[in-house]
Amino acid sequence: MGKKRILMVDDEPGFTRLVRLTLPQYEIREENDPRRAVETAQSFRPDLILLDVIMPDVDGGTVAAQIREDESLRDVPIVFLTAVVSQMESPNHGMIDGYLFLAKPVTKEKLVECINQYLAD
C-alpha cells in the first residue's frame, strides 16, 4: 500500500517545504498558488487537504468552496491551517465554517495526530 497523499495549499513555500520534509511518511504535494489549488487537487487526488486561510488573491474559504463544488473532490477532508485564530479563541472548539482547523504555529505531533484522525484505515 502506498503512502497517503496530502495536498498542502499555503502561500508560504518555506512552511509547505518544512512540513513536507518533516513528514516523510506521507506523500505531500505543495501548492503555493491558491488559484491553482483545485487543478492541483484534481491531478494529485489527495486523501486529505491542508489549507491555509489567509492567502493573496484567493482565501482558503473560497478554495474550500471550489473544492466542494468539484464532484471528484467533494469528499476529500479539508483541514484549515491558520495564524488568524488560536485554538483557545475559537468559539466553535477548533472549527471554521464546519472545517477543523489547526492554529499556526502547529507542532509536528499535533499535525500528525490530526492527519491520522482523517487518514485512519
PDB file of N, CA and C in Angstrom:
ATOM      1  N   MET A   1       0.849  -1.189   0.000  1.00  0.00           N
ATOM      2  CA  MET A   1       0.000   0.000   0.000  1.00  0.00           C
ATOM      3  C   MET A   1       0.887   1.242   0.000  1.00  0.00           C
ATOM      4  N   GLY A   2       0.585   2.218  -0.850  1.00  0.00           N
ATOM      5  CA  GLY A   2       1.385   3.422  -0.969  1.00  0.00           C
ATOM      6  C   GLY A   2       1.141   4.394   0.163  1.00  0.00           C
ATOM      7  N   LYS A   3       1.927   5.434   0.153  1.00  0.00           N
ATOM      8  CA  LYS A   3       1.778   6.479   1.163  1.00  0.00           C
ATOM      9  C   LYS A   3       0.472   7.231   0.945  1.00  0.00           C
ATOM     10  N   LYS A   4      -0.123   7.684   2.038  1.00  0.00           N
ATOM     11  CA  LYS A   4      -1.299   8.542   1.956  1.00  0.00           C
ATOM     12  C   LYS A   4      -0.868   9.876   1.354  1.00  0.00           C
ATOM     13  N   ARG A   5      -1.760  10.446   0.541  1.00  0.00           N
ATOM     14  CA  ARG A   5      -1.444  11.653  -0.214  1.00  0.00           C
ATOM     15  C   ARG A   5      -2.092  12.871   0.432  1.00  0.00           C
ATOM     16  N   ILE A   6      -1.277  13.893   0.672  1.00  0.00           N
ATOM     17  CA  ILE A   6      -1.751  15.126   1.297  1.00  0.00           C
ATOM     18  C   ILE A   6      -1.390  16.300   0.406  1.00  0.00           C
ATOM     19  N   LEU A   7      -2.376  17.130   0.121  1.00  0.00           N
ATOM     20  CA  LEU A   7      -2.131  18.376  -0.606  1.00  0.00           C
ATOM     21  C   LEU A   7      -2.069  19.502   0.406  1.00  0.00           C
ATOM     22  N   MET A   8      -0.977  20.249   0.385  1.00  0.00           N
ATOM     23  CA  MET A   8      -0.828  21.429   1.244  1.00  0.00           C
ATOM     24  C   MET A   8      -0.949  22.669   0.384  1.00  0.00           C
ATOM     25  N   VAL A   9      -1.951  23.490   0.673  1.00  0.00           N
ATOM     26  CA  VAL A   9      -2.152  24.734  -0.051  1.00  0.00           C
ATOM     27  C   VAL A   9      -1.852  25.868   0.917  1.00  0.00           C
ATOM     28  N   ASP A  10      -0.741  26.548   0.671  1.00  0.00           N
ATOM     29  CA  ASP A  10      -0.301  27.642   1.540  1.00  0.00           C
ATOM     30  C   ASP A  10       0.615  28.520   0.710  1.00  0.00           C
ATOM     31  N   ASP A  11       0.461  29.827   0.833  1.00  0.00           N
ATOM     32  CA  ASP A  11       1.267  30.743   0.026  1.00  0.00           C
ATOM     33  C   ASP A  11       2.697  30.910   0.547  1.00  0.00           C
ATOM     34  N   GLU A  12       3.044  30.234   1.629  1.00  0.00           N
ATOM     35  CA  GLU A  12       4.399  30.321   2.181  1.00  0.00           C
ATOM     36  C   GLU A  12       5.184  29.060   1.826  1.00  0.00           C
ATOM     37  N   PRO A  13       6.012  29.115   0.768  1.00  0.00           N
ATOM     38  CA  PRO A  13       6.777  27.929   0.347  1.00  0.00           C
ATOM     39  C   PRO A  13       7.667  27.357   1.452  1.00  0.00           C
ATOM     40  N   GLY A  14       8.206  28.208   2.300  1.00  0.00           N
ATOM     41  CA  GLY A  14       9.048  27.722   3.393  1.00  0.00           C
ATOM     42  C   GLY A  14       8.276  26.833   4.351  1.00  0.00           C
ATOM     43  N   PHE A  15       7.027  27.197   4.621  1.00  0.00           N
ATOM     44  CA  PHE A  15       6.197  26.402   5.526  1.00  0.00           C
ATOM     45  C   PHE A  15       5.823  25.066   4.888  1.00  0.00           C
ATOM     46  N   THR A  16       5.378  25.083   3.640  1.00  0.00           N
ATOM     47  CA  THR A  16       4.973  23.825   3.000  1.00  0.00           C
ATOM     48  C   THR A  16       6.164  22.888   2.831  1.00  0.00           C
ATOM     49  N   ARG A  17       7.308  23.435   2.510  1.00  0.00           N
ATOM     50  CA  ARG A  17       8.525  22.613   2.361  1.00  0.00           C
ATOM     51  C   ARG A  17       8.910  21.990   3.694  1.00  0.00           C
ATOM     52  N   LEU A  18       8.843  22.777   4.762  1.00  0.00           N
ATOM     53  CA  LEU A  18       9.171  22.269   6.091  1.00  0.00           C
ATOM     54  C   LEU A  18       8.253  21.121   6.485  1.00  0.00           C
ATOM     55  N   VAL A  19       6.963  21.275   6.250  1.00  0.00           N
ATOM     56  CA  VAL A  19       6.017  20.205   6.583  1.00  0.00           C
ATOM     57  C   VAL A  19       6.325  18.965   5.752  1.00  0.00           C
ATOM     58  N   ARG A  20       6.561  19.146   4.454  1.00  0.00           N
ATOM     59  CA  ARG A  20       6.856  18.000   3.587  1.00  0.00           C
ATOM     60  C   ARG A  20       8.098  17.258   4.055  1.00  0.00           C
ATOM     61  N   LEU A  21       9.139  17.983   4.426  1.00  0.00           N
ATOM     62  CA  LEU A  21      10.379  17.353   4.874  1.00  0.00           C
ATOM     63  C   LEU A  21      10.241  16.724   6.261  1.00  0.00           C
ATOM     64  N   THR A  22       9.367  17.276   7.082  1.00  0.00           N
ATOM     65  CA  THR A  22       9.173  16.785   8.441  1.00  0.00           C
ATOM     66  C   THR A  22       8.307  15.528   8.490  1.00  0.00           C
ATOM     67  N   LEU A  23       7.492  15.321   7.471  1.00  0.00           N
ATOM     68  CA  LEU A  23       6.543  14.205   7.471  1.00  0.00           C
ATOM     69  C   LEU A  23       6.773  13.283   6.269  1.00  0.00           C
ATOM     70  N   PRO A  24       7.910  12.603   6.221  1.00  0.00           N
ATOM     71  CA  PRO A  24       8.213  11.752   5.056  1.00  0.00           C
ATOM     72  C   PRO A  24       7.320  10.516   4.944  1.00  0.00           C
ATOM     73  N   GLN A  25       6.547  10.224   5.978  1.00  0.00           N
ATOM     74  CA  GLN A  25       5.658   9.057   5.938  1.00  0.00           C
ATOM     75  C   GLN A  25       4.444   9.291   5.034  1.00  0.00           C
ATOM     76  N   TYR A  26       4.251  10.532   4.581  1.00  0.00           N
ATOM     77  CA  TYR A  26       3.150  10.868   3.685  1.00  0.00           C
ATOM     78  C   TYR A  26       3.716  11.391   2.370  1.00  0.00           C
ATOM     79  N   GLU A  27       2.949  11.237   1.308  1.00  0.00           N
ATOM     80  CA  GLU A  27       3.300  11.866   0.038  1.00  0.00           C
ATOM     81  C   GLU A  27       2.629  13.230   0.035  1.00  0.00           C
ATOM     82  N   ILE A  28       3.427  14.271   0.181  1.00  0.00           N
ATOM     83  CA  ILE A  28       2.883  15.619   0.298  1.00  0.00           C
ATOM     84  C   ILE A  28       3.203  16.415  -0.959  1.00  0.00           C
ATOM     85  N   ARG A  29       2.158  16.976  -1.548  1.00  0.00           N
ATOM     86  CA  ARG A  29       2.312  17.872  -2.702  1.00  0.00           C
ATOM     87  C   ARG A  29       2.077  19.282  -2.202  1.00  0.00           C
ATOM     88  N   GLU A  30       2.966  20.179  -2.563  1.00  0.00           N
ATOM     89  CA  GLU A  30       2.860  21.580  -2.171  1.00  0.00           C
ATOM     90  C   GLU A  30       2.218  22.382  -3.302  1.00  0.00           C
ATOM     91  N   GLU A  31       1.274  23.245  -2.950  1.00  0.00           N
ATOM     92  CA  GLU A  31       0.728  24.212  -3.901  1.00  0.00           C
ATOM     93  C   GLU A  31       0.757  25.564  -3.222  1.00  0.00           C
ATOM     94  N   ASN A  32       1.599  26.457  -3.740  1.00  0.00           N
ATOM     95  CA  ASN A  32       1.770  27.764  -3.123  1.00  0.00           C
ATOM     96  C   ASN A  32       0.965  28.868  -3.811  1.00  0.00           C
ATOM     97  N   ASP A  33       0.246  28.519  -4.849  1.00  0.00           N
ATOM     98  CA  ASP A  33      -0.628  29.471  -5.543  1.00  0.00           C
ATOM     99  C   ASP A  33      -2.074  28.997  -5.359  1.00  0.00           C
ATOM    100  N   PRO A  34      -2.829  29.662  -4.492  1.00  0.00           N
ATOM    101  CA  PRO A  34      -4.182  29.196  -4.209  1.00  0.00           C
ATOM    102  C   PRO A  34      -5.095  29.188  -5.438  1.00  0.00           C
ATOM    103  N   ARG A  35      -4.758  29.971  -6.462  1.00  0.00           N
ATOM    104  CA  ARG A  35      -5.576  29.983  -7.685  1.00  0.00           C
ATOM    105  C   ARG A  35      -5.467  28.664  -8.441  1.00  0.00           C
ATOM    106  N   ARG A  36      -4.410  27.884  -8.161  1.00  0.00           N
ATOM    107  CA  ARG A  36      -4.209  26.598  -8.839  1.00  0.00           C
ATOM    108  C   ARG A  36      -4.561  25.407  -7.945  1.00  0.00           C
ATOM    109  N   ALA A  37      -5.112  25.653  -6.771  1.00  0.00           N
ATOM    110  CA  ALA A  37      -5.354  24.593  -5.791  1.00  0.00           C
ATOM    111  C   ALA A  37      -6.299  23.512  -6.306  1.00  0.00           C
ATOM    112  N   VAL A  38      -7.391  23.901  -6.929  1.00  0.00           N
ATOM    113  CA  VAL A  38      -8.363  22.911  -7.403  1.00  0.00           C
ATOM    114  C   VAL A  38      -7.745  22.075  -8.511  1.00  0.00           C
ATOM    115  N   GLU A  39      -7.078  22.709  -9.439  1.00  0.00           N
ATOM    116  CA  GLU A  39      -6.420  21.992 -10.540  1.00  0.00           C
ATOM    117  C   GLU A  39      -5.380  21.001 -10.009  1.00  0.00           C
ATOM    118  N   THR A  40      -4.599  21.439  -9.033  1.00  0.00           N
ATOM    119  CA  THR A  40      -3.597  20.556  -8.436  1.00  0.00           C
ATOM    120  C   THR A  40      -4.278  19.388  -7.732  1.00  0.00           C
ATOM    121  N   ALA A  41      -5.345  19.657  -7.012  1.00  0.00           N
ATOM    122  CA  ALA A  41      -6.078  18.589  -6.325  1.00  0.00           C
ATOM    123  C   ALA A  41      -6.667  17.594  -7.321  1.00  0.00           C
ATOM    124  N   GLN A  42      -7.173  18.085  -8.432  1.00  0.00           N
ATOM    125  CA  GLN A  42      -7.750  17.194  -9.444  1.00  0.00           C
ATOM    126  C   GLN A  42      -6.696  16.243 -10.011  1.00  0.00           C
ATOM    127  N   SER A  43      -5.491  16.744 -10.226  1.00  0.00           N
ATOM    128  CA  SER A  43      -4.449  15.887 -10.808  1.00  0.00           C
ATOM    129  C   SER A  43      -3.772  15.001  -9.765  1.00  0.00           C
ATOM    130  N   PHE A  44      -3.639  15.491  -8.533  1.00  0.00           N
ATOM    131  CA  PHE A  44      -2.927  14.763  -7.472  1.00  0.00           C
ATOM    132  C   PHE A  44      -3.811  13.736  -6.764  1.00  0.00           C
ATOM    133  N   ARG A  45      -5.098  14.004  -6.663  1.00  0.00           N
ATOM    134  CA  ARG A  45      -6.050  13.122  -5.981  1.00  0.00           C
ATOM    135  C   ARG A  45      -5.642  12.850  -4.525  1.00  0.00           C
ATOM    136  N   PRO A  46      -5.615  13.901  -3.697  1.00  0.00           N
ATOM    137  CA  PRO A  46      -5.174  13.720  -2.311  1.00  0.00           C
ATOM    138  C   PRO A  46      -6.192  12.971  -1.457  1.00  0.00           C
ATOM    139  N   ASP A  47      -5.683  12.397  -0.367  1.00  0.00           N
ATOM    140  CA  ASP A  47      -6.542  11.777   0.641  1.00  0.00           C
ATOM    141  C   ASP A  47      -6.984  12.809   1.676  1.00  0.00           C
ATOM    142  N   LEU A  48      -6.239  13.927   1.738  1.00  0.00           N
ATOM    143  CA  LEU A  48      -6.502  14.998   2.705  1.00  0.00           C
ATOM    144  C   LEU A  48      -5.934  16.286   2.139  1.00  0.00           C
ATOM    145  N   ILE A  49      -6.592  17.410   2.439  1.00  0.00           N
ATOM    146  CA  ILE A  49      -6.100  18.722   2.024  1.00  0.00           C
ATOM    147  C   ILE A  49      -5.882  19.568   3.263  1.00  0.00           C
ATOM    148  N   LEU A  50      -4.668  20.098   3.412  1.00  0.00           N
ATOM    149  CA  LEU A  50      -4.341  21.074   4.455  1.00  0.00           C
ATOM    150  C   LEU A  50      -4.329  22.429   3.772  1.00  0.00           C
ATOM    151  N   LEU A  51      -5.154  23.352   4.250  1.00  0.00           N
ATOM    152  CA  LEU A  51      -5.439  24.583   3.526  1.00  0.00           C
ATOM    153  C   LEU A  51      -5.274  25.810   4.413  1.00  0.00           C
ATOM    154  N   ASP A  52      -4.396  26.710   3.988  1.00  0.00           N
ATOM    155  CA  ASP A  52      -4.216  27.975   4.697  1.00  0.00           C
ATOM    156  C   ASP A  52      -5.484  28.809   4.527  1.00  0.00           C
ATOM    157  N   VAL A  53      -5.762  29.676   5.479  1.00  0.00           N
ATOM    158  CA  VAL A  53      -6.959  30.504   5.411  1.00  0.00           C
ATOM    159  C   VAL A  53      -6.673  31.830   4.707  1.00  0.00           C
ATOM    160  N   ILE A  54      -5.645  32.537   5.154  1.00  0.00           N
ATOM    161  CA  ILE A  54      -5.344  33.856   4.612  1.00  0.00           C
ATOM    162  C   ILE A  54      -4.228  33.738   3.577  1.00  0.00           C
ATOM    163  N   MET A  55      -4.600  33.973   2.306  1.00  0.00           N
ATOM    164  CA  MET A  55      -3.639  33.926   1.207  1.00  0.00           C
ATOM    165  C   MET A  55      -3.981  35.053   0.239  1.00  0.00           C
ATOM    166  N   PRO A  56      -2.995  35.511  -0.532  1.00  0.00           N
ATOM    167  CA  PRO A  56      -3.288  36.564  -1.506  1.00  0.00           C
ATOM    168  C   PRO A  56      -4.149  36.017  -2.647  1.00  0.00           C
ATOM    169  N   ASP A  57      -4.922  36.870  -3.245  1.00  0.00           N
ATOM    170  CA  ASP A  57      -5.752  36.581  -4.409  1.00  0.00           C
ATOM    171  C   ASP A  57      -6.985  35.738  -4.077  1.00  0.00           C
ATOM    172  N   VAL A  58      -6.814  34.587  -3.423  1.00  0.00           N
ATOM    173  CA  VAL A  58      -7.944  33.709  -3.105  1.00  0.00           C
ATOM    174  C   VAL A  58      -7.766  33.207  -1.676  1.00  0.00           C
ATOM    175  N   ASP A  59      -8.777  33.383  -0.833  1.00  0.00           N
ATOM    176  CA  ASP A  59      -8.657  32.912   0.548  1.00  0.00           C
ATOM    177  C   ASP A  59      -9.046  31.444   0.652  1.00  0.00           C
ATOM    178  N   GLY A  60      -8.690  30.835   1.761  1.00  0.00           N
ATOM    179  CA  GLY A  60      -8.941  29.415   1.971  1.00  0.00           C
ATOM    180  C   GLY A  60     -10.411  29.035   1.926  1.00  0.00           C
ATOM    181  N   GLY A  61     -11.282  29.904   2.412  1.00  0.00           N
ATOM    182  CA  GLY A  61     -12.709  29.613   2.363  1.00  0.00           C
ATOM    183  C   GLY A  61     -13.215  29.478   0.937  1.00  0.00           C
ATOM    184  N   THR A  62     -12.722  30.337   0.063  1.00  0.00           N
ATOM    185  CA  THR A  62     -13.092  30.279  -1.352  1.00  0.00           C
ATOM    186  C   THR A  62     -12.561  29.006  -1.997  1.00  0.00           C
ATOM    187  N   VAL A  63     -11.313  28.671  -1.686  1.00  0.00           N
ATOM    188  CA  VAL A  63     -10.718  27.440  -2.229  1.00  0.00           C
ATOM    189  C   VAL A  63     -11.512  26.223  -1.753  1.00  0.00           C
ATOM    190  N   ALA A  64     -11.865  26.190  -0.465  1.00  0.00           N
ATOM    191  CA  ALA A  64     -12.646  25.064   0.063  1.00  0.00           C
ATOM    192  C   ALA A  64     -13.984  24.953  -0.656  1.00  0.00           C
ATOM    193  N   ALA A  65     -14.643  26.072  -0.904  1.00  0.00           N
ATOM    194  CA  ALA A  65     -15.930  26.056  -1.618  1.00  0.00           C
ATOM    195  C   ALA A  65     -15.754  25.527  -3.040  1.00  0.00           C
ATOM    196  N   GLN A  66     -14.669  25.926  -3.703  1.00  0.00           N
ATOM    197  CA  GLN A  66     -14.404  25.439  -5.064  1.00  0.00           C
ATOM    198  C   GLN A  66     -14.149  23.932  -5.056  1.00  0.00           C
ATOM    199  N   ILE A  67     -13.443  23.455  -4.056  1.00  0.00           N
ATOM    200  CA  ILE A  67     -13.170  22.017  -3.945  1.00  0.00           C
ATOM    201  C   ILE A  67     -14.477  21.260  -3.732  1.00  0.00           C
ATOM    202  N   ARG A  68     -15.360  21.774  -2.893  1.00  0.00           N
ATOM    203  CA  ARG A  68     -16.637  21.116  -2.607  1.00  0.00           C
ATOM    204  C   ARG A  68     -17.556  21.100  -3.836  1.00  0.00           C
ATOM    205  N   GLU A  69     -17.376  22.056  -4.733  1.00  0.00           N
ATOM    206  CA  GLU A  69     -18.177  22.101  -5.957  1.00  0.00           C
ATOM    207  C   GLU A  69     -17.732  21.046  -6.968  1.00  0.00           C
ATOM    208  N   ASP A  70     -16.508  20.551  -6.845  1.00  0.00           N
ATOM    209  CA  ASP A  70     -15.974  19.550  -7.768  1.00  0.00           C
ATOM    210  C   ASP A  70     -16.407  18.171  -7.301  1.00  0.00           C
ATOM    211  N   GLU A  71     -17.175  17.482  -8.116  1.00  0.00           N
ATOM    212  CA  GLU A  71     -17.730  16.186  -7.731  1.00  0.00           C
ATOM    213  C   GLU A  71     -16.650  15.169  -7.359  1.00  0.00           C
ATOM    214  N   SER A  72     -15.505  15.229  -8.024  1.00  0.00           N
ATOM    215  CA  SER A  72     -14.450  14.246  -7.758  1.00  0.00           C
ATOM    216  C   SER A  72     -13.669  14.558  -6.482  1.00  0.00           C
ATOM    217  N   LEU A  73     -13.844  15.761  -5.927  1.00  0.00           N
ATOM    218  CA  LEU A  73     -13.072  16.171  -4.746  1.00  0.00           C
ATOM    219  C   LEU A  73     -13.938  16.424  -3.511  1.00  0.00           C
ATOM    220  N   ARG A  74     -15.236  16.469  -3.672  1.00  0.00           N
ATOM    221  CA  ARG A  74     -16.086  16.940  -2.571  1.00  0.00           C
ATOM    222  C   ARG A  74     -15.996  16.116  -1.293  1.00  0.00           C
ATOM    223  N   ASP A  75     -15.562  14.868  -1.380  1.00  0.00           N
ATOM    224  CA  ASP A  75     -15.466  14.036  -0.184  1.00  0.00           C
ATOM    225  C   ASP A  75     -14.073  14.015   0.445  1.00  0.00           C
ATOM    226  N   VAL A  76     -13.136  14.751  -0.147  1.00  0.00           N
ATOM    227  CA  VAL A  76     -11.780  14.804   0.413  1.00  0.00           C
ATOM    228  C   VAL A  76     -11.820  15.702   1.654  1.00  0.00           C
ATOM    229  N   PRO A  77     -11.369  15.197   2.797  1.00  0.00           N
ATOM    230  CA  PRO A  77     -11.368  16.031   4.013  1.00  0.00           C
ATOM    231  C   PRO A  77     -10.451  17.248   3.850  1.00  0.00           C
ATOM    232  N   ILE A  78     -10.896  18.363   4.404  1.00  0.00           N
ATOM    233  CA  ILE A  78     -10.113  19.608   4.404  1.00  0.00           C
ATOM    234  C   ILE A  78      -9.894  20.021   5.847  1.00  0.00           C
ATOM    235  N   VAL A  79      -8.654  20.372   6.165  1.00  0.00           N
ATOM    236  CA  VAL A  79      -8.314  20.934   7.472  1.00  0.00           C
ATOM    237  C   VAL A  79      -7.663  22.285   7.212  1.00  0.00           C
ATOM    238  N   PHE A  80      -8.208  23.327   7.842  1.00  0.00           N
ATOM    239  CA  PHE A  80      -7.617  24.652   7.716  1.00  0.00           C
ATOM    240  C   PHE A  80      -6.422  24.787   8.651  1.00  0.00           C
ATOM    241  N   LEU A  81      -5.396  25.455   8.168  1.00  0.00           N
ATOM    242  CA  LEU A  81      -4.255  25.862   8.990  1.00  0.00           C
ATOM    243  C   LEU A  81      -4.274  27.382   9.010  1.00  0.00           C
ATOM    244  N   THR A  82      -4.249  27.987  10.199  1.00  0.00           N
ATOM    245  CA  THR A  82      -4.368  29.436  10.258  1.00  0.00           C
ATOM    246  C   THR A  82      -3.613  30.031  11.428  1.00  0.00           C
ATOM    247  N   ALA A  83      -3.110  31.224  11.206  1.00  0.00           N
ATOM    248  CA  ALA A  83      -2.496  32.003  12.282  1.00  0.00           C
ATOM    249  C   ALA A  83      -3.467  33.077  12.760  1.00  0.00           C
ATOM    250  N   VAL A  84      -4.642  33.134  12.135  1.00  0.00           N
ATOM    251  CA  VAL A  84      -5.620  34.173  12.442  1.00  0.00           C
ATOM    252  C   VAL A  84      -6.326  33.917  13.769  1.00  0.00           C
ATOM    253  N   VAL A  85      -6.652  32.661  14.037  1.00  0.00           N
ATOM    254  CA  VAL A  85      -7.401  32.303  15.239  1.00  0.00           C
ATOM    255  C   VAL A  85      -6.645  31.204  15.968  1.00  0.00           C
ATOM    256  N   SER A  86      -6.541  31.344  17.271  1.00  0.00           N
ATOM    257  CA  SER A  86      -5.903  30.287  18.053  1.00  0.00           C
ATOM    258  C   SER A  86      -6.972  29.283  18.483  1.00  0.00           C
ATOM    259  N   GLN A  87      -6.552  28.107  18.891  1.00  0.00           N
ATOM    260  CA  GLN A  87      -7.497  27.103  19.379  1.00  0.00           C
ATOM    261  C   GLN A  87      -8.305  27.652  20.554  1.00  0.00           C
ATOM    262  N   MET A  88      -7.661  28.427  21.422  1.00  0.00           N
ATOM    263  CA  MET A  88      -8.328  28.974  22.609  1.00  0.00           C
ATOM    264  C   MET A  88      -9.373  30.024  22.235  1.00  0.00           C
ATOM    265  N   GLU A  89      -9.142  30.768  21.165  1.00  0.00           N
ATOM    266  CA  GLU A  89     -10.048  31.845  20.786  1.00  0.00           C
ATOM    267  C   GLU A  89     -11.288  31.355  20.036  1.00  0.00           C
ATOM    268  N   SER A  90     -11.250  30.159  19.517  1.00  0.00           N
ATOM    269  CA  SER A  90     -12.340  29.671  18.678  1.00  0.00           C
ATOM    270  C   SER A  90     -13.591  29.380  19.510  1.00  0.00           C
ATOM    271  N   PRO A  91     -14.691  30.033  19.175  1.00  0.00           N
ATOM    272  CA  PRO A  91     -15.942  29.729  19.878  1.00  0.00           C
ATOM    273  C   PRO A  91     -16.514  28.376  19.461  1.00  0.00           C
ATOM    274  N   ASN A  92     -16.023  27.814  18.364  1.00  0.00           N
ATOM    275  CA  ASN A  92     -16.547  26.545  17.850  1.00  0.00           C
ATOM    276  C   ASN A  92     -15.605  25.386  18.124  1.00  0.00           C
ATOM    277  N   HIS A  93     -14.725  25.531  19.096  1.00  0.00           N
ATOM    278  CA  HIS A  93     -13.834  24.448  19.503  1.00  0.00           C
ATOM    279  C   HIS A  93     -13.027  23.861  18.354  1.00  0.00           C
ATOM    280  N   GLY A  94     -12.328  24.717  17.625  1.00  0.00           N
ATOM    281  CA  GLY A  94     -11.456  24.240  16.564  1.00  0.00           C
ATOM    282  C   GLY A  94     -12.135  24.049  15.230  1.00  0.00           C
ATOM    283  N   MET A  95     -13.234  24.756  14.991  1.00  0.00           N
ATOM    284  CA  MET A  95     -13.933  24.655  13.710  1.00  0.00           C
ATOM    285  C   MET A  95     -14.066  26.038  13.086  1.00  0.00           C
ATOM    286  N   ILE A  96     -13.884  26.099  11.768  1.00  0.00           N
ATOM    287  CA  ILE A  96     -14.144  27.304  10.979  1.00  0.00           C
ATOM    288  C   ILE A  96     -15.048  26.874   9.837  1.00  0.00           C
ATOM    289  N   ASP A  97     -16.233  27.443   9.752  1.00  0.00           N
ATOM    290  CA  ASP A  97     -17.189  27.110   8.695  1.00  0.00           C
ATOM    291  C   ASP A  97     -17.405  25.607   8.552  1.00  0.00           C
ATOM    292  N   GLY A  98     -17.397  24.886   9.657  1.00  0.00           N
ATOM    293  CA  GLY A  98     -17.632  23.454   9.623  1.00  0.00           C
ATOM    294  C   GLY A  98     -16.394  22.621   9.344  1.00  0.00           C
ATOM    295  N   TYR A  99     -15.248  23.256   9.182  1.00  0.00           N
ATOM    296  CA  TYR A  99     -13.994  22.542   8.947  1.00  0.00           C
ATOM    297  C   TYR A  99     -13.126  22.617  10.198  1.00  0.00           C
ATOM    298  N   LEU A 100     -12.469  21.519  10.513  1.00  0.00           N
ATOM    299  CA  LEU A 100     -11.498  21.529  11.599  1.00  0.00           C
ATOM    300  C   LEU A 100     -10.365  22.470  11.230  1.00  0.00           C
ATOM    301  N   PHE A 101      -9.822  23.166  12.221  1.00  0.00           N
ATOM    302  CA  PHE A 101      -8.640  23.968  11.929  1.00  0.00           C
ATOM    303  C   PHE A 101      -7.562  23.690  12.960  1.00  0.00           C
ATOM    304  N   LEU A 102      -6.344  23.895  12.529  1.00  0.00           N
ATOM    305  CA  LEU A 102      -5.178  23.855  13.401  1.00  0.00           C
ATOM    306  C   LEU A 102      -4.558  25.243  13.389  1.00  0.00           C
ATOM    307  N   ALA A 103      -4.256  25.755  14.569  1.00  0.00           N
ATOM    308  CA  ALA A 103      -3.657  27.075  14.678  1.00  0.00           C
ATOM    309  C   ALA A 103      -2.162  26.993  14.407  1.00  0.00           C
ATOM    310  N   LYS A 104      -1.658  27.935  13.620  1.00  0.00           N
ATOM    311  CA  LYS A 104      -0.219  28.059  13.397  1.00  0.00           C
ATOM    312  C   LYS A 104       0.350  28.904  14.523  1.00  0.00           C
ATOM    313  N   PRO A 105       1.520  28.635  14.986  1.00  0.00           N
ATOM    314  CA  PRO A 105       2.365  27.513  14.589  1.00  0.00           C
ATOM    315  C   PRO A 105       1.814  26.210  15.153  1.00  0.00           C
ATOM    316  N   VAL A 106       1.943  25.156  14.369  1.00  0.00           N
ATOM    317  CA  VAL A 106       1.433  23.849  14.765  1.00  0.00           C
ATOM    318  C   VAL A 106       2.618  22.916  15.005  1.00  0.00           C
ATOM    319  N   THR A 107       2.504  22.100  16.021  1.00  0.00           N
ATOM    320  CA  THR A 107       3.593  21.159  16.305  1.00  0.00           C
ATOM    321  C   THR A 107       3.476  19.953  15.371  1.00  0.00           C
ATOM    322  N   LYS A 108       4.578  19.277  15.172  1.00  0.00           N
ATOM    323  CA  LYS A 108       4.591  18.069  14.352  1.00  0.00           C
ATOM    324  C   LYS A 108       3.623  17.048  14.948  1.00  0.00           C
ATOM    325  N   GLU A 109       3.637  16.893  16.249  1.00  0.00           N
ATOM    326  CA  GLU A 109       2.782  15.917  16.913  1.00  0.00           C
ATOM    327  C   GLU A 109       1.298  16.220  16.685  1.00  0.00           C
ATOM    328  N   LYS A 110       0.924  17.474  16.813  1.00  0.00           N
ATOM    329  CA  LYS A 110      -0.479  17.868  16.620  1.00  0.00           C
ATOM    330  C   LYS A 110      -0.899  17.655  15.164  1.00  0.00           C
ATOM    331  N   LEU A 111      -0.002  17.963  14.239  1.00  0.00           N
ATOM    332  CA  LEU A 111      -0.293  17.792  12.823  1.00  0.00           C
ATOM    333  C   LEU A 111      -0.462  16.309  12.482  1.00  0.00           C
ATOM    334  N   VAL A 112       0.440  15.468  12.972  1.00  0.00           N
ATOM    335  CA  VAL A 112       0.354  14.026  12.725  1.00  0.00           C
ATOM    336  C   VAL A 112      -0.921  13.454  13.349  1.00  0.00           C
ATOM    337  N   GLU A 113      -1.250  13.893  14.552  1.00  0.00           N
ATOM    338  CA  GLU A 113      -2.479  13.432  15.219  1.00  0.00           C
ATOM    339  C   GLU A 113      -3.704  13.765  14.367  1.00  0.00           C
ATOM    340  N   CYS A 114      -3.757  14.979  13.845  1.00  0.00           N
ATOM    341  CA  CYS A 114      -4.877  15.406  13.016  1.00  0.00           C
ATOM    342  C   CYS A 114      -4.923  14.605  11.709  1.00  0.00           C
ATOM    343  N   ILE A 115      -3.784  14.456  11.059  1.00  0.00           N
ATOM    344  CA  ILE A 115      -3.728  13.693   9.809  1.00  0.00           C
ATOM    345  C   ILE A 115      -4.180  12.260  10.042  1.00  0.00           C
ATOM    346  N   ASN A 116      -3.689  11.639  11.103  1.00  0.00           N
ATOM    347  CA  ASN A 116      -4.064  10.262  11.389  1.00  0.00           C
ATOM    348  C   ASN A 116      -5.548  10.112  11.691  1.00  0.00           C
ATOM    349  N   GLN A 117      -6.132  11.129  12.289  1.00  0.00           N
ATOM    350  CA  GLN A 117      -7.570  11.121  12.561  1.00  0.00           C
ATOM    351  C   GLN A 117      -8.358  10.984  11.259  1.00  0.00           C
ATOM    352  N   TYR A 118      -7.912  11.671  10.213  1.00  0.00           N
ATOM    353  CA  TYR A 118      -8.623  11.655   8.937  1.00  0.00           C
ATOM    354  C   TYR A 118      -8.212  10.501   8.035  1.00  0.00           C
ATOM    355  N   LEU A 119      -6.999  10.008   8.195  1.00  0.00           N
ATOM    356  CA  LEU A 119      -6.492   9.003   7.266  1.00  0.00           C
ATOM    357  C   LEU A 119      -6.413   7.599   7.868  1.00  0.00           C
ATOM    358  N   ALA A 120      -7.018   7.397   9.005  1.00  0.00           N
ATOM    359  CA  ALA A 120      -7.004   6.070   9.628  1.00  0.00           C
ATOM    360  C   ALA A 120      -7.656   5.061   8.704  1.00  0.00           C
ATOM    361  N   ASP A 121      -7.025   3.913   8.578  1.00  0.00           N
ATOM    362  CA  ASP A 121      -7.560   2.848   7.701  1.00  0.00           C
ATOM    363  C   ASP A 121      -8.786   2.209   8.320  1.00  0.00           C
TER     364      ASP A 121
END
